């Protein structure tokens, strides 16, 4: 992240999928086994919270806006 990270969560169904959030407005997904980012989403505002939904793939975020 280009600014402080604010959250980290692992998928409840795939322990190799990690999601991070940051004040830079980025939502990033990582394959922890390969140590590689697999997806980045620009949320357009600082992201302050993240949680995986029960399905293990849907993510809910909170922003400061």
N, C-alpha and C. Protein backbone atom coordinates (compact mmCIF):
# COMPACT_ATOMS: atom_id res chain seq x y z
N UNK A 1 0.84 -1.19 0.00
CA UNK A 1 0.00 0.00 0.00
C UNK A 1 0.88 1.25 0.00
N UNK A 2 0.37 2.29 -0.64
CA UNK A 2 1.09 3.56 -0.69
C UNK A 2 0.83 4.41 0.55
N UNK A 3 -0.08 3.98 1.40
CA UNK A 3 -0.40 4.63 2.67
C UNK A 3 -0.59 3.50 3.69
N UNK A 4 -0.74 3.83 4.97
CA UNK A 4 -0.87 2.76 5.96
C UNK A 4 -1.99 1.76 5.65
N UNK A 5 -1.68 0.49 5.89
CA UNK A 5 -2.70 -0.56 5.78
C UNK A 5 -3.63 -0.47 6.98
N UNK A 6 -4.91 -0.76 6.75
CA UNK A 6 -5.90 -0.63 7.82
C UNK A 6 -6.61 -1.93 8.14
N UNK A 7 -6.45 -2.95 7.30
CA UNK A 7 -7.13 -4.20 7.56
C UNK A 7 -6.51 -5.36 6.83
N UNK A 8 -6.67 -6.53 7.38
CA UNK A 8 -6.23 -7.77 6.74
C UNK A 8 -7.20 -8.86 7.15
N UNK A 9 -7.65 -9.63 6.16
CA UNK A 9 -8.57 -10.73 6.42
C UNK A 9 -8.23 -11.89 5.49
N UNK A 10 -8.48 -13.09 5.98
CA UNK A 10 -8.34 -14.29 5.17
C UNK A 10 -9.72 -14.82 4.84
N UNK A 11 -9.86 -15.38 3.64
CA UNK A 11 -11.12 -15.99 3.25
C UNK A 11 -11.43 -17.14 4.21
N UNK A 12 -12.68 -17.26 4.64
CA UNK A 12 -13.02 -18.35 5.55
C UNK A 12 -13.00 -19.73 4.88
N UNK A 13 -12.98 -19.76 3.55
CA UNK A 13 -12.99 -21.04 2.83
C UNK A 13 -11.70 -21.33 2.10
N UNK A 14 -10.87 -20.32 1.89
CA UNK A 14 -9.60 -20.51 1.19
C UNK A 14 -8.52 -19.81 2.01
N UNK A 15 -7.82 -20.56 2.84
CA UNK A 15 -6.82 -19.96 3.73
C UNK A 15 -5.63 -19.37 2.98
N UNK A 16 -5.57 -19.59 1.67
CA UNK A 16 -4.49 -19.01 0.86
C UNK A 16 -4.87 -17.66 0.26
N UNK A 17 -6.13 -17.25 0.41
CA UNK A 17 -6.59 -15.97 -0.13
C UNK A 17 -6.66 -14.94 1.00
N UNK A 18 -5.85 -13.90 0.87
CA UNK A 18 -5.80 -12.83 1.86
C UNK A 18 -6.19 -11.52 1.20
N UNK A 19 -6.89 -10.70 1.94
CA UNK A 19 -7.32 -9.38 1.46
C UNK A 19 -6.78 -8.32 2.41
N UNK A 20 -6.23 -7.23 1.85
CA UNK A 20 -5.78 -6.12 2.67
C UNK A 20 -6.45 -4.83 2.20
N UNK A 21 -6.57 -3.87 3.11
CA UNK A 21 -7.12 -2.56 2.79
C UNK A 21 -6.17 -1.49 3.29
N UNK A 22 -6.32 -0.29 2.73
CA UNK A 22 -5.43 0.78 3.15
C UNK A 22 -6.03 2.17 2.98
N UNK A 23 -5.37 3.11 3.62
CA UNK A 23 -5.79 4.51 3.51
C UNK A 23 -5.54 5.07 2.11
N UNK A 24 -4.81 4.34 1.28
CA UNK A 24 -4.60 4.73 -0.11
C UNK A 24 -5.80 4.41 -0.99
N UNK A 25 -6.85 3.82 -0.40
CA UNK A 25 -8.06 3.49 -1.13
C UNK A 25 -8.00 2.16 -1.86
N UNK A 26 -6.95 1.40 -1.62
CA UNK A 26 -6.77 0.13 -2.33
C UNK A 26 -7.31 -1.04 -1.53
N UNK A 27 -7.91 -1.96 -2.26
CA UNK A 27 -8.33 -3.26 -1.75
C UNK A 27 -7.51 -4.26 -2.55
N UNK A 28 -6.65 -5.01 -1.86
CA UNK A 28 -5.72 -5.91 -2.55
C UNK A 28 -5.94 -7.35 -2.10
N UNK A 29 -5.89 -8.25 -3.07
CA UNK A 29 -6.05 -9.68 -2.81
C UNK A 29 -4.74 -10.38 -3.14
N UNK A 30 -4.34 -11.28 -2.25
CA UNK A 30 -3.06 -11.97 -2.40
C UNK A 30 -3.23 -13.48 -2.30
N UNK A 31 -2.45 -14.20 -3.10
CA UNK A 31 -2.28 -15.64 -2.94
C UNK A 31 -1.07 -15.78 -2.02
N UNK A 32 -1.29 -16.19 -0.79
CA UNK A 32 -0.20 -16.21 0.18
C UNK A 32 0.80 -17.33 -0.09
N UNK A 33 0.36 -18.40 -0.75
CA UNK A 33 1.30 -19.47 -1.07
C UNK A 33 2.30 -19.02 -2.12
N UNK A 34 1.81 -18.30 -3.15
CA UNK A 34 2.69 -17.80 -4.21
C UNK A 34 3.31 -16.45 -3.87
N UNK A 35 2.84 -15.84 -2.77
CA UNK A 35 3.29 -14.50 -2.38
C UNK A 35 3.11 -13.50 -3.51
N UNK A 36 1.93 -13.56 -4.12
CA UNK A 36 1.64 -12.72 -5.27
C UNK A 36 0.29 -12.04 -5.12
N UNK A 37 0.22 -10.76 -5.54
CA UNK A 37 -1.05 -10.07 -5.58
C UNK A 37 -1.81 -10.56 -6.80
N UNK A 38 -3.07 -10.93 -6.61
CA UNK A 38 -3.86 -11.45 -7.72
C UNK A 38 -4.92 -10.46 -8.21
N UNK A 39 -5.23 -9.44 -7.41
CA UNK A 39 -6.23 -8.46 -7.80
C UNK A 39 -6.07 -7.21 -6.95
N UNK A 40 -6.27 -6.04 -7.58
CA UNK A 40 -6.28 -4.78 -6.85
C UNK A 40 -7.48 -3.97 -7.32
N UNK A 41 -8.22 -3.41 -6.37
CA UNK A 41 -9.39 -2.60 -6.67
C UNK A 41 -9.17 -1.22 -6.06
N UNK A 42 -9.35 -0.17 -6.86
CA UNK A 42 -9.28 1.20 -6.36
C UNK A 42 -10.67 1.59 -5.88
N UNK A 43 -10.82 1.78 -4.58
CA UNK A 43 -12.12 2.07 -3.99
C UNK A 43 -12.47 3.56 -4.02
N UNK A 44 -11.53 4.41 -4.38
CA UNK A 44 -11.82 5.83 -4.52
C UNK A 44 -11.87 6.62 -3.22
N UNK A 45 -11.65 5.96 -2.11
CA UNK A 45 -11.65 6.63 -0.80
C UNK A 45 -10.85 5.75 0.15
N UNK A 46 -10.29 6.34 1.21
CA UNK A 46 -9.56 5.53 2.19
C UNK A 46 -10.44 4.40 2.75
N UNK A 47 -9.93 3.18 2.73
CA UNK A 47 -10.69 2.02 3.22
C UNK A 47 -10.26 1.75 4.66
N UNK A 48 -11.25 1.68 5.54
CA UNK A 48 -10.96 1.56 6.97
C UNK A 48 -11.39 0.23 7.57
N UNK A 49 -12.14 -0.59 6.84
CA UNK A 49 -12.59 -1.87 7.37
C UNK A 49 -12.83 -2.85 6.23
N UNK A 50 -12.64 -4.13 6.52
CA UNK A 50 -12.88 -5.17 5.53
C UNK A 50 -13.34 -6.45 6.23
N UNK A 51 -14.23 -7.17 5.56
CA UNK A 51 -14.68 -8.46 6.08
C UNK A 51 -15.15 -9.33 4.92
N UNK A 52 -14.81 -10.61 4.97
CA UNK A 52 -15.36 -11.56 4.02
C UNK A 52 -16.75 -11.96 4.47
N UNK A 53 -17.65 -12.13 3.53
CA UNK A 53 -18.98 -12.64 3.84
C UNK A 53 -18.88 -14.16 4.00
N UNK A 54 -19.95 -14.78 4.44
CA UNK A 54 -19.95 -16.21 4.72
C UNK A 54 -19.66 -17.08 3.50
N UNK A 55 -19.89 -16.55 2.29
CA UNK A 55 -19.62 -17.35 1.09
C UNK A 55 -18.13 -17.48 0.79
N UNK A 56 -17.30 -16.67 1.46
CA UNK A 56 -15.85 -16.77 1.31
C UNK A 56 -15.27 -16.03 0.13
N UNK A 57 -16.12 -15.42 -0.70
CA UNK A 57 -15.62 -14.68 -1.87
C UNK A 57 -16.10 -13.24 -1.93
N UNK A 58 -17.25 -12.97 -1.35
CA UNK A 58 -17.78 -11.60 -1.33
C UNK A 58 -17.14 -10.84 -0.18
N UNK A 59 -16.73 -9.59 -0.48
CA UNK A 59 -16.05 -8.77 0.52
C UNK A 59 -16.86 -7.51 0.78
N UNK A 60 -17.01 -7.16 2.04
CA UNK A 60 -17.64 -5.89 2.44
C UNK A 60 -16.53 -4.98 2.96
N UNK A 61 -16.58 -3.71 2.56
CA UNK A 61 -15.59 -2.73 3.02
C UNK A 61 -16.29 -1.53 3.63
N UNK A 62 -15.52 -0.81 4.43
CA UNK A 62 -15.97 0.47 4.96
C UNK A 62 -14.97 1.53 4.59
N UNK A 63 -15.45 2.72 4.29
CA UNK A 63 -14.55 3.83 3.94
C UNK A 63 -14.76 4.99 4.90
N UNK A 64 -13.86 5.95 4.82
CA UNK A 64 -13.97 7.13 5.68
C UNK A 64 -14.85 8.20 5.06
N UNK A 65 -15.32 7.97 3.85
CA UNK A 65 -16.23 8.93 3.20
C UNK A 65 -17.68 8.60 3.46
